[in-house]
Amino acid sequence: MKAAAFKSAGVTADTELVIAAEGRPYLLSMSATRPARVEVRFGDFDRPFQVVVPPPSEVVDGGPLFGGPKPLMKGR
């Protein structure tokens, strides 16, 4: 599969987005390298899936990883 990578060097994080370059563009993966390494890969598009909400004890606020002191989605 052909893909295009977009890199960004920011003040709080260096990020890379990989977008499919064949057919309709969609996100394949995202990674950030500062202050901690975070990597997310996406797959199984156009297939049904079930969302299971983890208990609060297993939830980690990702806001500080990306320079924000507050949760990304408030109230959810």
Protein backbone atom coordinates (compact mmCIF):
# COMPACT_ATOMS: atom_id res chain seq x y z
CA MET A 1 0.00 0.00 0.00
CA LYS A 2 1.27 3.46 -0.84
CA ALA A 3 1.31 5.99 1.98
CA ALA A 4 2.52 9.50 2.71
CA ALA A 5 4.19 10.50 5.98
CA PHE A 6 3.80 13.98 7.44
CA LYS A 7 6.24 15.00 10.14
CA SER A 8 5.98 17.93 12.52
CA ALA A 9 8.56 19.20 15.00
CA GLY A 10 6.77 21.14 17.71
CA VAL A 11 7.58 22.78 21.00
CA THR A 12 6.07 20.00 23.12
CA ALA A 13 6.08 17.00 20.74
CA ASP A 14 7.52 15.68 17.48
CA THR A 15 4.75 13.91 15.57
CA GLU A 16 4.38 11.81 12.44
CA LEU A 17 1.09 11.02 10.68
CA VAL A 18 0.98 8.31 8.00
CA ILE A 19 -1.89 8.69 5.51
CA ALA A 20 -2.97 6.16 2.86
CA ALA A 21 -2.13 7.46 -0.62
CA GLU A 22 -4.26 5.00 -2.61
CA GLY A 23 -8.01 5.50 -2.90
CA ARG A 24 -9.70 7.63 -0.27
CA PRO A 25 -7.07 9.02 2.15
CA TYR A 26 -7.32 7.77 5.74
CA LEU A 27 -5.07 7.73 8.79
CA LEU A 28 -2.88 4.61 9.07
CA SER A 29 -0.77 5.54 12.08
CA MET A 30 0.25 8.36 14.37
CA SER A 31 3.31 8.63 16.59
CA ALA A 32 4.74 11.24 18.94
CA THR A 33 8.27 11.15 20.32
CA ARG A 34 8.37 13.85 23.02
CA PRO A 35 8.04 13.90 25.97
CA ALA A 36 7.24 10.16 25.79
CA ARG A 37 6.94 7.82 22.81
CA VAL A 38 3.32 7.21 21.82
CA GLU A 39 2.36 5.12 18.79
CA VAL A 40 -1.11 4.33 17.43
CA ARG A 41 -1.79 2.10 14.40
CA PHE A 42 -5.16 1.89 12.70
CA GLY A 43 -6.63 -1.04 10.75
CA ASP A 44 -9.76 -3.03 9.90
CA PHE A 45 -11.54 -0.06 8.32
CA ASP A 46 -15.18 -0.49 7.24
CA ARG A 47 -15.67 -3.42 9.62
CA PRO A 48 -18.00 -3.47 12.63
CA PHE A 49 -16.44 -3.25 16.09
CA GLN A 50 -17.52 -3.15 19.69
CA VAL A 51 -16.38 -0.43 22.08
CA VAL A 52 -15.75 -1.49 25.66
CA VAL A 53 -15.31 1.38 28.12
CA PRO A 54 -12.57 0.59 30.63
CA PRO A 55 -13.11 1.21 34.33
CA PRO A 56 -11.80 4.59 35.61
CA SER A 57 -8.87 2.85 37.32
CA GLU A 58 -7.54 1.81 33.87
CA VAL A 59 -7.90 5.23 32.20
CA VAL A 60 -4.84 7.45 31.76
CA ASP A 61 -5.14 11.16 30.91
CA GLY A 62 -3.13 11.65 27.70
CA GLY A 63 -3.31 15.45 27.85
CA PRO A 64 0.06 15.94 29.61
CA LEU A 65 1.78 13.77 26.96
CA PHE A 66 0.82 16.33 24.32
CA GLY A 67 1.42 19.46 26.38
CA GLY A 68 -2.10 19.97 27.67
CA PRO A 69 -2.86 19.85 31.38
CA LYS A 70 -6.54 18.99 30.83
CA PRO A 71 -8.24 15.89 29.33
CA LEU A 72 -8.75 15.98 25.59
CA MET A 73 -12.45 15.09 25.82
CA LYS A 74 -14.08 16.66 28.83
CA GLY A 75 -17.25 15.08 30.26
CA ARG A 76 -17.12 11.79 28.37
